[in-house]
Amino acid sequence: MKAFSKKGDDFMIQNPILKGFNPDPSICKRGDTYYIATSTFEWFPGVQICESKDLKNWRLLVRPLNRISQLDMVGVPDSGGVWAPCLTYADGKFWLVYSIMREHRAFKDVRNYLVTADDIEGPWSEPIFLNASGFDPSLFHDDDGKKYLLNMIYDFRNDHPWNYGIAIQEFDEGKEQLVGKPEIIFKGTHLEKTEGPHIYFINGYYYLFTAEGGSQWGHSVTVARSISLYGPYEVHPDNPILTAWYSPENDLQKTGHASLIKTDSEEWYIAYLASRPIKRKGKGLFEERGFCTLGRESALAKIEWTVDDWPIVTGGKVAQKYVPTPNLLEHPWSSTPKKNYFASGIPSEFQTLRIPFSQKMGQITKKGLVLYGQESLYSVFEQSLLARRFESVNFIAEIAVDFSPSYFQQSAGLVCYYNSKNWTSLQVTANEQLGKVLTILKCEGAKLSWPLRDPIVLTEEGNVYLRVKVNARFYQFFYSLDGKNWKELSFMFDTYKLSDDYIAKPFLGPTGSAFTGAFVGVHCNDLTGMRQEATFEYFSYQDIAEDEVTKN
């Protein structure tokens, strides 16, 4: 290992550090290891924790909410589930507070919980219920040993902004409950939509970091401070300290929801969420700013302190693609192999929707992953689907599937998925006249369509090989009967239609809440209830270079 140099891009931290859907980063450290916890919404297991030794190289470590007793999400709406976890380390153990959002379209029906673990990889405890007054819970450990929960208070009345303010309430560890009454300590600034609170006690001040301006283009990092935990809080004189609202051409947009960390080298950084938009021709806010198919990711910024003890972002308040590294030893991790064969288990990148992988959903055999058909991709209850994040705007994903459907209600294949009402599947199914066929089923804004009018007849049994090639603007499907000779399907699908920005547009109506990101994965559906099985020999995911995009 070597110490980082401050010169050259190779020795800088390149943002985003956690690519693909990884929003709301909460950073902490134990010993010489740094951890970031991010939101997972309706994806199971819940909360994604990544680790690093140097703040530059990160890897997925664990998803701690892996039991239904910790995370019951059956029936939650798209973009419901786990919102904005807060991970801290104190008193010799890890503390994780998180929200389960059950309904978020008019009201915010939410429950906030706490779990703990002596080791970051678990076992993690059964959850302690905290409150239900609002989302983005955060736990603060004061120097006197007392602990406090913060969260935003949601206000559903029309004559107020939707946030009532940031509340604080003491948590009694012995009683395992909140005590006393919650008190509002910060009402926010003119940016409004104040959420994502974190408190840090530094040099005699309590510093309150919040996210303001909403989670889209106006997202910002606000800082306030007080000599008393309960306030009053003075707002940073150059608030916000980080925002991209005034810089629509910047590579990183939607910057906000920051948490603070001090390194062993006595340097300060914030972890924050950001998105990388893809620009399209046209007029209007979304065409000017772009569409973020990769969702909201996690990034880092270095922090300096002014002479009067205010934090500022090194290099200015617009997010930077390259950030100075801390004075730590470089610690890279081993790379992921190209092919993830299911015969050796489910790769760690994969998650299911709302429910855990179980024998009812499928099993791992010598032949690969077997999925038993359950409800449609439209369902928010029981699906047989395994998927992983888009991590690059240019990649190829490929599967081999063996499926013998008897009815048109049975299907299995490869899917590019945003949420239950927005996805495209290349799938094997049955046709009354043609028998076993390959077709494309598309769902956009909750409406179904079949782009491939004439299904491809599959006369042979055994594996069918399916592939999707994704680039910044389009994704396209391919198929093969032998895994060597590939045929392209001429349809080009817009990647921007798998973005928060497109799906959140008002014309999509009740499906318009969008806080996650695009996934690619495998699925098996059987609407007859007979649970027809599909076997997936392997799944591969490979980023491709810009000059390889047009090749097969």
Foldseek 3Di string as FASTA:
>chain_A
DFWADQDDQVRWAFPPQFFFWFAQWAWEDDDQKIKIWGADFQWPPTIWIWIDRFQRAIDTDERQNHDCLQFFQFQAAVRFAWHRWHWYDDPQKIKIKTKGFRDDDQDTAIWIWIWIANDPHDNIDRIQTEDGQAGQWYWDQDPVRWIKIKWWGADRDPVDARTQAIWIFTADPVVSYTDDDIDHQGRDDPQDPWTLWDWDQDPQKIKIWTWGNDQFQFTFIWIWIASDPSDNTHTDPPPPQAACNVPLPDQWGSWYNWYKDAHPLRWIKIKTKTFGFDADDDDDDCNSNHFGQSFIGIHMFTWDADPVGDIHTPPGRYDDRTYGTGRGGHDHDDDDDFWDFQLVHDDPQKTDGSDHDDVQQWDRDNQGTKGFAAADLLHSHDFNWIWGGDRAQWKKKKWKKFFAEDAQQKWKAKKKDQGSQFIKGFIWGQDPPQGIWTFMWGGALNDIDTPPPDTHRDDDGGIKMKMWTGHNFWIWIWIDPPVPDIDTDPDTHGSSSSGLVNLLDCVSPPSNHGRGHIIMTIGIHHPVPPRGMMGIRIMGMGGDDPVCRPPD
